PDB file of N, CA and C in Angstrom:
ATOM      1  N   ASN A   1       0.860  -1.171   0.000  1.00  0.00           N
ATOM      2  CA  ASN A   1       0.000   0.000   0.000  1.00  0.00           C
ATOM      3  C   ASN A   1       0.901   1.226   0.000  1.00  0.00           C
ATOM      4  N   ASN A   2       0.723   2.087  -0.940  1.00  0.00           N
ATOM      5  CA  ASN A   2       1.592   3.251  -1.100  1.00  0.00           C
ATOM      6  C   ASN A   2       0.817   4.527  -0.837  1.00  0.00           C
ATOM      7  N   ASN A   3       0.252   4.649   0.364  1.00  0.00           N
ATOM      8  CA  ASN A   3      -0.550   5.823   0.679  1.00  0.00           C
ATOM      9  C   ASN A   3       0.324   7.048   0.820  1.00  0.00           C
ATOM     10  N   ASN A   4      -0.168   8.169   0.344  1.00  0.00           N
ATOM     11  CA  ASN A   4       0.480   9.459   0.499  1.00  0.00           C
ATOM     12  C   ASN A   4       0.136   9.978   1.884  1.00  0.00           C
ATOM     13  N   ASP A   5       1.134  10.349   2.683  1.00  0.00           N
ATOM     14  CA  ASP A   5       0.897  10.791   4.048  1.00  0.00           C
ATOM     15  C   ASP A   5       0.085  12.079   4.127  1.00  0.00           C
ATOM     16  N   ASP A   6       0.036  12.859   3.057  1.00  0.00           N
ATOM     17  CA  ASP A   6      -0.711  14.113   3.062  1.00  0.00           C
ATOM     18  C   ASP A   6      -2.177  13.926   2.728  1.00  0.00           C
ATOM     19  N   ASP A   7      -2.569  12.725   2.336  1.00  0.00           N
ATOM     20  CA  ASP A   7      -3.922  12.476   1.876  1.00  0.00           C
ATOM     21  C   ASP A   7      -4.329  11.096   2.359  1.00  0.00           C
ATOM     22  N   ASP A   8      -5.562  10.939   2.808  1.00  0.00           N
ATOM     23  CA  ASP A   8      -6.032   9.654   3.304  1.00  0.00           C
ATOM     24  C   ASP A   8      -6.575   8.760   2.206  1.00  0.00           C
ATOM     25  N   SER A   9      -6.507   9.186   0.939  1.00  0.00           N
ATOM     26  CA  SER A   9      -7.037   8.398  -0.165  1.00  0.00           C
ATOM     27  C   SER A   9      -6.087   7.259  -0.502  1.00  0.00           C
ATOM     28  N   PRO A  10      -6.603   6.006  -0.559  1.00  0.00           N
ATOM     29  CA  PRO A  10      -5.735   4.890  -0.936  1.00  0.00           C
ATOM     30  C   PRO A  10      -5.215   5.027  -2.360  1.00  0.00           C
ATOM     31  N   THR A  11      -3.923   4.784  -2.554  1.00  0.00           N
ATOM     32  CA  THR A  11      -3.279   4.846  -3.862  1.00  0.00           C
ATOM     33  C   THR A  11      -2.243   3.744  -3.944  1.00  0.00           C
ATOM     34  N   SER A  12      -2.222   3.019  -5.072  1.00  0.00           N
ATOM     35  CA  SER A  12      -1.220   1.986  -5.300  1.00  0.00           C
ATOM     36  C   SER A  12      -0.791   2.034  -6.749  1.00  0.00           C
ATOM     37  N   THR A  13       0.488   1.734  -6.996  1.00  0.00           N
ATOM     38  CA  THR A  13       0.987   1.683  -8.367  1.00  0.00           C
ATOM     39  C   THR A  13       1.359   0.247  -8.695  1.00  0.00           C
ATOM     40  N   ILE A  14       1.130  -0.131  -9.958  1.00  0.00           N
ATOM     41  CA  ILE A  14       1.495  -1.463 -10.420  1.00  0.00           C
ATOM     42  C   ILE A  14       2.329  -1.316 -11.673  1.00  0.00           C
ATOM     43  N   GLY A  15       3.034  -2.372 -12.026  1.00  0.00           N
ATOM     44  CA  GLY A  15       3.826  -2.353 -13.246  1.00  0.00           C
ATOM     45  C   GLY A  15       2.951  -2.144 -14.463  1.00  0.00           C
ATOM     46  N   GLY A  16       3.563  -1.823 -15.559  1.00  0.00           N
ATOM     47  CA  GLY A  16       2.794  -1.596 -16.782  1.00  0.00           C
ATOM     48  C   GLY A  16       2.231  -0.204 -16.885  1.00  0.00           C
ATOM     49  N   GLY A  17       2.735   0.717 -16.070  1.00  0.00           N
ATOM     50  CA  GLY A  17       2.312   2.108 -16.172  1.00  0.00           C
ATOM     51  C   GLY A  17       0.887   2.356 -15.721  1.00  0.00           C
ATOM     52  N   LYS A  18       0.451   1.725 -14.620  1.00  0.00           N
ATOM     53  CA  LYS A  18      -0.900   1.932 -14.097  1.00  0.00           C
ATOM     54  C   LYS A  18      -0.820   2.383 -12.650  1.00  0.00           C
ATOM     55  N   ILE A  19      -1.818   3.171 -12.257  1.00  0.00           N
ATOM     56  CA  ILE A  19      -1.962   3.590 -10.866  1.00  0.00           C
ATOM     57  C   ILE A  19      -3.418   3.365 -10.468  1.00  0.00           C
ATOM     58  N   LEU A  20      -3.622   2.847  -9.273  1.00  0.00           N
ATOM     59  CA  LEU A  20      -4.961   2.628  -8.739  1.00  0.00           C
ATOM     60  C   LEU A  20      -5.214   3.655  -7.656  1.00  0.00           C
ATOM     61  N   THR A  21      -6.358   4.313  -7.714  1.00  0.00           N
ATOM     62  CA  THR A  21      -6.717   5.307  -6.709  1.00  0.00           C
ATOM     63  C   THR A  21      -8.157   5.089  -6.269  1.00  0.00           C
ATOM     64  N   ALA A  22      -8.413   5.407  -5.018  1.00  0.00           N
ATOM     65  CA  ALA A  22      -9.767   5.361  -4.470  1.00  0.00           C
ATOM     66  C   ALA A  22      -9.954   6.633  -3.660  1.00  0.00           C
ATOM     67  N   ASP A  23     -11.191   6.997  -3.461  1.00  0.00           N
ATOM     68  CA  ASP A  23     -11.492   8.255  -2.813  1.00  0.00           C
ATOM     69  C   ASP A  23     -12.635   8.036  -1.839  1.00  0.00           C
ATOM     70  N   ARG A  24     -13.394   9.060  -1.621  1.00  0.00           N
ATOM     71  CA  ARG A  24     -14.539   8.963  -0.726  1.00  0.00           C
ATOM     72  C   ARG A  24     -15.768   8.425  -1.456  1.00  0.00           C
ATOM     73  N   ASP A  25     -15.534   7.814  -2.582  1.00  0.00           N
ATOM     74  CA  ASP A  25     -16.629   7.159  -3.283  1.00  0.00           C
ATOM     75  C   ASP A  25     -16.392   5.660  -3.248  1.00  0.00           C
ATOM     76  N   GLU A  26     -17.206   4.911  -3.917  1.00  0.00           N
ATOM     77  CA  GLU A  26     -17.183   3.462  -3.790  1.00  0.00           C
ATOM     78  C   GLU A  26     -16.431   2.750  -4.903  1.00  0.00           C
ATOM     79  N   LYS A  27     -15.623   3.461  -5.671  1.00  0.00           N
ATOM     80  CA  LYS A  27     -14.941   2.814  -6.788  1.00  0.00           C
ATOM     81  C   LYS A  27     -13.433   3.032  -6.748  1.00  0.00           C
ATOM     82  N   VAL A  28     -12.726   2.081  -7.379  1.00  0.00           N
ATOM     83  CA  VAL A  28     -11.283   2.198  -7.583  1.00  0.00           C
ATOM     84  C   VAL A  28     -11.079   2.568  -9.042  1.00  0.00           C
ATOM     85  N   ARG A  29     -10.304   3.611  -9.292  1.00  0.00           N
ATOM     86  CA  ARG A  29      -9.990   4.029 -10.648  1.00  0.00           C
ATOM     87  C   ARG A  29      -8.657   3.434 -11.068  1.00  0.00           C
ATOM     88  N   ILE A  30      -8.608   2.896 -12.277  1.00  0.00           N
ATOM     89  CA  ILE A  30      -7.369   2.391 -12.860  1.00  0.00           C
ATOM     90  C   ILE A  30      -6.964   3.399 -13.922  1.00  0.00           C
ATOM     91  N   SER A  31      -5.852   4.092 -13.694  1.00  0.00           N
ATOM     92  CA  SER A  31      -5.407   5.150 -14.590  1.00  0.00           C
ATOM     93  C   SER A  31      -4.037   4.820 -15.160  1.00  0.00           C
ATOM     94  N   SER A  32      -3.746   5.447 -16.293  1.00  0.00           N
ATOM     95  CA  SER A  32      -2.397   5.350 -16.863  1.00  0.00           C
ATOM     96  C   SER A  32      -1.453   6.169 -16.005  1.00  0.00           C
ATOM     97  N   PHE A  33      -0.197   5.765 -16.000  1.00  0.00           N
ATOM     98  CA  PHE A  33       0.803   6.541 -15.268  1.00  0.00           C
ATOM     99  C   PHE A  33       1.974   6.800 -16.195  1.00  0.00           C
ATOM    100  N   PRO A  34       2.407   8.021 -16.362  1.00  0.00           N
ATOM    101  CA  PRO A  34       2.163   9.191 -15.532  1.00  0.00           C
ATOM    102  C   PRO A  34       0.974  10.045 -15.975  1.00  0.00           C
ATOM    103  N   ASN A  35       0.296   9.685 -17.049  1.00  0.00           N
ATOM    104  CA  ASN A  35      -0.854  10.468 -17.533  1.00  0.00           C
ATOM    105  C   ASN A  35      -2.122  10.035 -16.813  1.00  0.00           C
ATOM    106  N   THR A  36      -2.232  10.398 -15.544  1.00  0.00           N
ATOM    107  CA  THR A  36      -3.320   9.903 -14.708  1.00  0.00           C
ATOM    108  C   THR A  36      -4.697  10.421 -15.118  1.00  0.00           C
ATOM    109  N   PHE A  37      -4.740  11.423 -15.984  1.00  0.00           N
ATOM    110  CA  PHE A  37      -6.029  11.902 -16.472  1.00  0.00           C
ATOM    111  C   PHE A  37      -6.676  10.880 -17.405  1.00  0.00           C
ATOM    112  N   HIS A  38      -5.885   9.918 -17.923  1.00  0.00           N
ATOM    113  CA  HIS A  38      -6.416   8.864 -18.787  1.00  0.00           C
ATOM    114  C   HIS A  38      -6.869   7.688 -17.913  1.00  0.00           C
ATOM    115  N   ILE A  39      -8.186   7.585 -17.695  1.00  0.00           N
ATOM    116  CA  ILE A  39      -8.750   6.522 -16.867  1.00  0.00           C
ATOM    117  C   ILE A  39      -9.019   5.311 -17.749  1.00  0.00           C
ATOM    118  N   GLU A  40      -8.380   4.173 -17.397  1.00  0.00           N
ATOM    119  CA  GLU A  40      -8.532   2.945 -18.172  1.00  0.00           C
ATOM    120  C   GLU A  40      -9.763   2.155 -17.777  1.00  0.00           C
ATOM    121  N   GLY A  41     -10.210   2.308 -16.546  1.00  0.00           N
ATOM    122  CA  GLY A  41     -11.390   1.573 -16.094  1.00  0.00           C
ATOM    123  C   GLY A  41     -11.585   1.712 -14.601  1.00  0.00           C
ATOM    124  N   TYR A  42     -12.565   0.967 -14.083  1.00  0.00           N
ATOM    125  CA  TYR A  42     -12.940   1.035 -12.675  1.00  0.00           C
ATOM    126  C   TYR A  42     -13.122  -0.367 -12.105  1.00  0.00           C
ATOM    127  N   LEU A  43     -12.964  -0.474 -10.801  1.00  0.00           N
ATOM    128  CA  LEU A  43     -13.360  -1.661 -10.054  1.00  0.00           C
ATOM    129  C   LEU A  43     -14.613  -1.257  -9.299  1.00  0.00           C
ATOM    130  N   LEU A  44     -15.751  -1.784  -9.712  1.00  0.00           N
ATOM    131  CA  LEU A  44     -17.048  -1.364  -9.185  1.00  0.00           C
ATOM    132  C   LEU A  44     -17.700  -2.485  -8.390  1.00  0.00           C
ATOM    133  N   GLY A  45     -18.354  -2.127  -7.291  1.00  0.00           N
ATOM    134  CA  GLY A  45     -19.077  -3.115  -6.507  1.00  0.00           C
ATOM    135  C   GLY A  45     -19.325  -2.685  -5.074  1.00  0.00           C
ATOM    136  N   HIS A  46     -18.403  -1.892  -4.507  1.00  0.00           N
ATOM    137  CA  HIS A  46     -18.625  -1.412  -3.143  1.00  0.00           C
ATOM    138  C   HIS A  46     -19.804  -0.442  -3.131  1.00  0.00           C
ATOM    139  N   SER A  47     -20.505  -0.388  -1.986  1.00  0.00           N
ATOM    140  CA  SER A  47     -21.639   0.539  -1.872  1.00  0.00           C
ATOM    141  C   SER A  47     -21.337   1.688  -0.914  1.00  0.00           C
ATOM    142  N   ALA A  48     -20.094   1.772  -0.430  1.00  0.00           N
ATOM    143  CA  ALA A  48     -19.671   2.874   0.445  1.00  0.00           C
ATOM    144  C   ALA A  48     -18.202   3.168   0.167  1.00  0.00           C
ATOM    145  N   TYR A  49     -17.680   4.196   0.810  1.00  0.00           N
ATOM    146  CA  TYR A  49     -16.304   4.662   0.622  1.00  0.00           C
ATOM    147  C   TYR A  49     -15.293   3.527   0.830  1.00  0.00           C
ATOM    148  N   ILE A  50     -14.188   3.612   0.135  1.00  0.00           N
ATOM    149  CA  ILE A  50     -13.106   2.639   0.265  1.00  0.00           C
ATOM    150  C   ILE A  50     -12.114   3.175   1.288  1.00  0.00           C
ATOM    151  N   THR A  51     -11.810   2.364   2.292  1.00  0.00           N
ATOM    152  CA  THR A  51     -10.933   2.799   3.377  1.00  0.00           C
ATOM    153  C   THR A  51      -9.488   2.386   3.186  1.00  0.00           C
ATOM    154  N   ASP A  52      -9.252   1.282   2.458  1.00  0.00           N
ATOM    155  CA  ASP A  52      -7.876   0.823   2.269  1.00  0.00           C
ATOM    156  C   ASP A  52      -7.800  -0.038   1.020  1.00  0.00           C
ATOM    157  N   MET A  53      -6.585  -0.139   0.494  1.00  0.00           N
ATOM    158  CA  MET A  53      -6.370  -0.880  -0.739  1.00  0.00           C
ATOM    159  C   MET A  53      -4.925  -1.342  -0.748  1.00  0.00           C
ATOM    160  N   ASP A  54      -4.694  -2.552  -1.264  1.00  0.00           N
ATOM    161  CA  ASP A  54      -3.330  -3.050  -1.391  1.00  0.00           C
ATOM    162  C   ASP A  54      -3.263  -3.964  -2.603  1.00  0.00           C
ATOM    163  N   LEU A  55      -2.050  -4.175  -3.089  1.00  0.00           N
ATOM    164  CA  LEU A  55      -1.835  -4.986  -4.284  1.00  0.00           C
ATOM    165  C   LEU A  55      -1.419  -6.401  -3.921  1.00  0.00           C
ATOM    166  N   VAL A  56      -1.840  -7.347  -4.765  1.00  0.00           N
ATOM    167  CA  VAL A  56      -1.412  -8.735  -4.680  1.00  0.00           C
ATOM    168  C   VAL A  56      -0.710  -9.015  -6.005  1.00  0.00           C
ATOM    169  N   PRO A  57       0.590  -9.336  -5.972  1.00  0.00           N
ATOM    170  CA  PRO A  57       1.314  -9.559  -7.231  1.00  0.00           C
ATOM    171  C   PRO A  57       0.666 -10.650  -8.076  1.00  0.00           C
ATOM    172  N   GLY A  58       0.795 -10.527  -9.379  1.00  0.00           N
ATOM    173  CA  GLY A  58       0.186 -11.469 -10.302  1.00  0.00           C
ATOM    174  C   GLY A  58       1.056 -12.665 -10.585  1.00  0.00           C
ATOM    175  N   ASN A  59       1.318 -13.477  -9.586  1.00  0.00           N
ATOM    176  CA  ASN A  59       2.161 -14.651  -9.783  1.00  0.00           C
ATOM    177  C   ASN A  59       1.433 -15.923  -9.374  1.00  0.00           C
ATOM    178  N   GLY A  60       0.188 -16.025  -9.759  1.00  0.00           N
ATOM    179  CA  GLY A  60      -0.625 -17.172  -9.359  1.00  0.00           C
ATOM    180  C   GLY A  60      -1.302 -16.863  -8.038  1.00  0.00           C
ATOM    181  N   ASN A  61      -2.512 -16.341  -8.094  1.00  0.00           N
ATOM    182  CA  ASN A  61      -3.217 -15.873  -6.906  1.00  0.00           C
ATOM    183  C   ASN A  61      -4.149 -16.919  -6.313  1.00  0.00           C
ATOM    184  N   GLY A  62      -3.995 -18.167  -6.728  1.00  0.00           N
ATOM    185  CA  GLY A  62      -4.887 -19.192  -6.222  1.00  0.00           C
ATOM    186  C   GLY A  62      -6.207 -19.231  -6.966  1.00  0.00           C
ATOM    187  N   ASN A  63      -6.366 -18.339  -7.919  1.00  0.00           N
ATOM    188  CA  ASN A  63      -7.601 -18.294  -8.694  1.00  0.00           C
ATOM    189  C   ASN A  63      -7.351 -18.700 -10.139  1.00  0.00           C
ATOM    190  N   GLY A  64      -6.165 -19.227 -10.424  1.00  0.00           N
ATOM    191  CA  GLY A  64      -5.833 -19.637 -11.780  1.00  0.00           C
ATOM    192  C   GLY A  64      -5.363 -18.504 -12.661  1.00  0.00           C
ATOM    193  N   SER A  65      -5.333 -17.294 -12.139  1.00  0.00           N
ATOM    194  CA  SER A  65      -4.947 -16.127 -12.918  1.00  0.00           C
ATOM    195  C   SER A  65      -3.544 -15.685 -12.529  1.00  0.00           C
ATOM    196  N   THR A  66      -2.805 -15.186 -13.496  1.00  0.00           N
ATOM    197  CA  THR A  66      -1.512 -14.576 -13.194  1.00  0.00           C
ATOM    198  C   THR A  66      -1.611 -13.060 -13.263  1.00  0.00           C
ATOM    199  N   ASN A  67      -2.819 -12.546 -13.421  1.00  0.00           N
ATOM    200  CA  ASN A  67      -3.032 -11.100 -13.447  1.00  0.00           C
ATOM    201  C   ASN A  67      -2.787 -10.513 -12.058  1.00  0.00           C
ATOM    202  N   PRO A  68      -2.320  -9.264 -12.002  1.00  0.00           N
ATOM    203  CA  PRO A  68      -2.201  -8.605 -10.699  1.00  0.00           C
ATOM    204  C   PRO A  68      -3.593  -8.401 -10.101  1.00  0.00           C
ATOM    205  N   CYS A  69      -3.661  -8.493  -8.786  1.00  0.00           N
ATOM    206  CA  CYS A  69      -4.935  -8.328  -8.089  1.00  0.00           C
ATOM    207  C   CYS A  69      -4.833  -7.202  -7.070  1.00  0.00           C
ATOM    208  N   CYS A  70      -5.983  -6.792  -6.590  1.00  0.00           N
ATOM    209  CA  CYS A  70      -6.096  -5.701  -5.634  1.00  0.00           C
ATOM    210  C   CYS A  70      -7.076  -6.138  -4.548  1.00  0.00           C
ATOM    211  N   VAL A  71      -6.757  -5.808  -3.297  1.00  0.00           N
ATOM    212  CA  VAL A  71      -7.661  -6.058  -2.179  1.00  0.00           C
ATOM    213  C   VAL A  71      -8.142  -4.703  -1.681  1.00  0.00           C
ATOM    214  N   THR A  72      -9.457  -4.579  -1.484  1.00  0.00           N
ATOM    215  CA  THR A  72     -10.025  -3.324  -0.981  1.00  0.00           C
ATOM    216  C   THR A  72     -10.866  -3.598   0.260  1.00  0.00           C
ATOM    217  N   ALA A  73     -10.890  -2.617   1.161  1.00  0.00           N
ATOM    218  CA  ALA A  73     -11.773  -2.649   2.327  1.00  0.00           C
ATOM    219  C   ALA A  73     -12.654  -1.416   2.251  1.00  0.00           C
ATOM    220  N   SER A  74     -13.904  -1.555   2.687  1.00  0.00           N
ATOM    221  CA  SER A  74     -14.860  -0.470   2.501  1.00  0.00           C
ATOM    222  C   SER A  74     -15.750  -0.296   3.723  1.00  0.00           C
ATOM    223  N   GLY A  75     -16.321   0.884   3.809  1.00  0.00           N
ATOM    224  CA  GLY A  75     -17.306   1.193   4.832  1.00  0.00           C
ATOM    225  C   GLY A  75     -18.590   0.409   4.671  1.00  0.00           C
ATOM    226  N   ASP A  76     -18.753  -0.314   3.570  1.00  0.00           N
ATOM    227  CA  ASP A  76     -19.944  -1.152   3.391  1.00  0.00           C
ATOM    228  C   ASP A  76     -19.821  -2.475   4.142  1.00  0.00           C
ATOM    229  N   GLY A  77     -18.679  -2.684   4.831  1.00  0.00           N
ATOM    230  CA  GLY A  77     -18.496  -3.884   5.630  1.00  0.00           C
ATOM    231  C   GLY A  77     -17.907  -5.051   4.876  1.00  0.00           C
ATOM    232  N   THR A  78     -17.322  -4.793   3.704  1.00  0.00           N
ATOM    233  CA  THR A  78     -16.746  -5.886   2.933  1.00  0.00           C
ATOM    234  C   THR A  78     -15.270  -5.658   2.643  1.00  0.00           C
ATOM    235  N   VAL A  79     -14.576  -6.769   2.467  1.00  0.00           N
ATOM    236  CA  VAL A  79     -13.223  -6.798   1.927  1.00  0.00           C
ATOM    237  C   VAL A  79     -13.337  -7.581   0.636  1.00  0.00           C
ATOM    238  N   ARG A  80     -12.780  -7.040  -0.453  1.00  0.00           N
ATOM    239  CA  ARG A  80     -12.935  -7.670  -1.765  1.00  0.00           C
ATOM    240  C   ARG A  80     -11.593  -7.851  -2.451  1.00  0.00           C
ATOM    241  N   LEU A  81     -11.491  -8.943  -3.213  1.00  0.00           N
ATOM    242  CA  LEU A  81     -10.329  -9.240  -4.043  1.00  0.00           C
ATOM    243  C   LEU A  81     -10.733  -9.033  -5.491  1.00  0.00           C
ATOM    244  N   TRP A  82      -9.910  -8.276  -6.232  1.00  0.00           N
ATOM    245  CA  TRP A  82     -10.219  -7.905  -7.614  1.00  0.00           C
ATOM    246  C   TRP A  82      -9.116  -8.352  -8.558  1.00  0.00           C
ATOM    247  N   ASP A  83      -9.484  -8.779  -9.758  1.00  0.00           N
ATOM    248  CA  ASP A  83      -8.547  -8.974 -10.860  1.00  0.00           C
ATOM    249  C   ASP A  83      -8.454  -7.623 -11.563  1.00  0.00           C
ATOM    250  N   ILE A  84      -7.281  -7.016 -11.527  1.00  0.00           N
ATOM    251  CA  ILE A  84      -7.127  -5.659 -12.056  1.00  0.00           C
ATOM    252  C   ILE A  84      -7.270  -5.626 -13.574  1.00  0.00           C
ATOM    253  N   ASN A  85      -6.637  -6.566 -14.278  1.00  0.00           N
ATOM    254  CA  ASN A  85      -6.683  -6.538 -15.748  1.00  0.00           C
ATOM    255  C   ASN A  85      -8.082  -6.807 -16.286  1.00  0.00           C
ATOM    256  N   ASP A  86      -8.776  -7.789 -15.692  1.00  0.00           N
ATOM    257  CA  ASP A  86     -10.126  -8.126 -16.163  1.00  0.00           C
ATOM    258  C   ASP A  86     -11.205  -7.280 -15.502  1.00  0.00           C
ATOM    259  N   ARG A  87     -10.826  -6.532 -14.442  1.00  0.00           N
ATOM    260  CA  ARG A  87     -11.735  -5.625 -13.725  1.00  0.00           C
ATOM    261  C   ARG A  87     -12.962  -6.350 -13.173  1.00  0.00           C
ATOM    262  N   VAL A  88     -12.713  -7.507 -12.557  1.00  0.00           N
ATOM    263  CA  VAL A  88     -13.812  -8.280 -11.974  1.00  0.00           C
ATOM    264  C   VAL A  88     -13.499  -8.610 -10.520  1.00  0.00           C
ATOM    265  N   GLU A  89     -14.555  -8.723  -9.728  1.00  0.00           N
ATOM    266  CA  GLU A  89     -14.436  -9.131  -8.338  1.00  0.00           C
ATOM    267  C   GLU A  89     -14.258 -10.646  -8.291  1.00  0.00           C
ATOM    268  N   LEU A  90     -13.243 -11.100  -7.545  1.00  0.00           N
ATOM    269  CA  LEU A  90     -12.955 -12.528  -7.443  1.00  0.00           C
ATOM    270  C   LEU A  90     -13.484 -13.132  -6.149  1.00  0.00           C
ATOM    271  N   CYS A  91     -13.528 -12.333  -5.099  1.00  0.00           N
ATOM    272  CA  CYS A  91     -13.912 -12.848  -3.788  1.00  0.00           C
ATOM    273  C   CYS A  91     -14.407 -11.693  -2.927  1.00  0.00           C
ATOM    274  N   ARG A  92     -15.330 -12.015  -2.001  1.00  0.00           N
ATOM    275  CA  ARG A  92     -15.868 -10.987  -1.101  1.00  0.00           C
ATOM    276  C   ARG A  92     -16.066 -11.589   0.285  1.00  0.00           C
ATOM    277  N   ILE A  93     -15.665 -10.839   1.303  1.00  0.00           N
ATOM    278  CA  ILE A  93     -15.908 -11.225   2.689  1.00  0.00           C
ATOM    279  C   ILE A  93     -16.666 -10.090   3.351  1.00  0.00           C
ATOM    280  N   ASN A  94     -17.810 -10.416   3.952  1.00  0.00           N
ATOM    281  CA  ASN A  94     -18.573  -9.430   4.707  1.00  0.00           C
ATOM    282  C   ASN A  94     -18.133  -9.536   6.158  1.00  0.00           C
ATOM    283  N   TYR A  95     -17.219  -8.666   6.575  1.00  0.00           N
ATOM    284  CA  TYR A  95     -16.675  -8.779   7.920  1.00  0.00           C
ATOM    285  C   TYR A  95     -17.660  -8.342   8.992  1.00  0.00           C
ATOM    286  N   LEU A  96     -18.665  -7.562   8.672  1.00  0.00           N
ATOM    287  CA  LEU A  96     -19.666  -7.177   9.664  1.00  0.00           C
ATOM    288  C   LEU A  96     -20.530  -8.366  10.069  1.00  0.00           C
ATOM    289  N   ALA A  97     -20.692  -9.328   9.164  1.00  0.00           N
ATOM    290  CA  ALA A  97     -21.488 -10.507   9.468  1.00  0.00           C
ATOM    291  C   ALA A  97     -20.799 -11.387  10.505  1.00  0.00           C
ATOM    292  N   HIS A  98     -19.490 -11.222  10.677  1.00  0.00           N
ATOM    293  CA  HIS A  98     -18.730 -12.037  11.611  1.00  0.00           C
ATOM    294  C   HIS A  98     -18.460 -11.326  12.931  1.00  0.00           C
ATOM    295  N   CYS A  99     -18.891 -10.085  13.062  1.00  0.00           N
ATOM    296  CA  CYS A  99     -18.660  -9.325  14.285  1.00  0.00           C
ATOM    297  C   CYS A  99     -19.949  -9.274  15.098  1.00  0.00           C
ATOM    298  N   PRO A 100     -19.875  -9.537  16.409  1.00  0.00           N
ATOM    299  CA  PRO A 100     -21.089  -9.455  17.220  1.00  0.00           C
ATOM    300  C   PRO A 100     -21.576  -8.012  17.316  1.00  0.00           C
ATOM    301  N   ASN A 101     -22.863  -7.852  17.328  1.00  0.00           N
ATOM    302  CA  ASN A 101     -23.479  -6.537  17.444  1.00  0.00           C
ATOM    303  C   ASN A 101     -23.577  -6.192  18.926  1.00  0.00           C
ATOM    304  N   GLU A 102     -23.028  -5.074  19.322  1.00  0.00           N
ATOM    305  CA  GLU A 102     -23.046  -4.671  20.727  1.00  0.00           C
ATOM    306  C   GLU A 102     -24.468  -4.489  21.245  1.00  0.00           C
ATOM    307  N   ASP A 103     -25.399  -4.100  20.390  1.00  0.00           N
ATOM    308  CA  ASP A 103     -26.785  -3.899  20.806  1.00  0.00           C
ATOM    309  C   ASP A 103     -27.460  -5.207  21.182  1.00  0.00           C
ATOM    310  N   ASP A 104     -26.957  -6.332  20.666  1.00  0.00           N
ATOM    311  CA  ASP A 104     -27.556  -7.627  20.935  1.00  0.00           C
ATOM    312  C   ASP A 104     -27.082  -8.227  22.249  1.00  0.00           C
ATOM    313  N   ASN A 105     -26.128  -7.600  22.905  1.00  0.00           N
ATOM    314  CA  ASN A 105     -25.569  -8.136  24.135  1.00  0.00           C
ATOM    315  C   ASN A 105     -26.369  -7.622  25.326  1.00  0.00           C
ATOM    316  N   ASP A 106     -27.229  -8.490  25.885  1.00  0.00           N
ATOM    317  CA  ASP A 106     -28.062  -8.109  27.025  1.00  0.00           C
ATOM    318  C   ASP A 106     -27.418  -8.507  28.346  1.00  0.00           C
ATOM    319  N   ASP A 107     -26.222  -9.042  28.327  1.00  0.00           N
ATOM    320  CA  ASP A 107     -25.548  -9.537  29.519  1.00  0.00           C
ATOM    321  C   ASP A 107     -24.561  -8.510  30.078  1.00  0.00           C
ATOM    322  N   ASP A 108     -24.868  -7.240  29.978  1.00  0.00           N
ATOM    323  CA  ASP A 108     -23.929  -6.204  30.393  1.00  0.00           C
ATOM    324  C   ASP A 108     -23.598  -6.263  31.875  1.00  0.00           C
ATOM    325  N   ASP A 109     -24.522  -6.766  32.711  1.00  0.00           N
ATOM    326  CA  ASP A 109     -24.303  -6.781  34.160  1.00  0.00           C
ATOM    327  C   ASP A 109     -23.553  -8.024  34.630  1.00  0.00           C
ATOM    328  N   GLU A 110     -23.393  -9.008  33.764  1.00  0.00           N
ATOM    329  CA  GLU A 110     -22.727 -10.228  34.168  1.00  0.00           C
ATOM    330  C   GLU A 110     -21.229 -10.134  33.884  1.00  0.00           C
ATOM    331  N   PRO A 111     -20.395 -10.665  34.822  1.00  0.00           N
ATOM    332  CA  PRO A 111     -18.953 -10.651  34.568  1.00  0.00           C
ATOM    333  C   PRO A 111     -18.593 -11.585  33.437  1.00  0.00           C
ATOM    334  N   MET A 112     -17.498 -11.266  32.749  1.00  0.00           N
ATOM    335  CA  MET A 112     -17.069 -12.088  31.624  1.00  0.00           C
ATOM    336  C   MET A 112     -16.137 -13.173  32.066  1.00  0.00           C
TER     337      MET A 112
END
């Protein structure tokens, strides 16, 4: 993850002259580098802001692909794995489904 310390927006660069950026919206932009105004495509699927992003090298990701991949985390409660070249979601984990809801805990008076 190559985040810029002056900005909280996730940014990562990959070989082949591409840069991935995310903002306070729900998409990852795949742009040419250094001509970042040329947007090659998007990774679409999150329904809330993206909080973090990191790269997975394209050397056999367990999915049969040698394409570089990207992992994103979002305020929608999911972590997703993406194939960057094909621009498709490969895997999704809803981490909120695995966390207990504090409102459901009625045992506040009992010791743990």
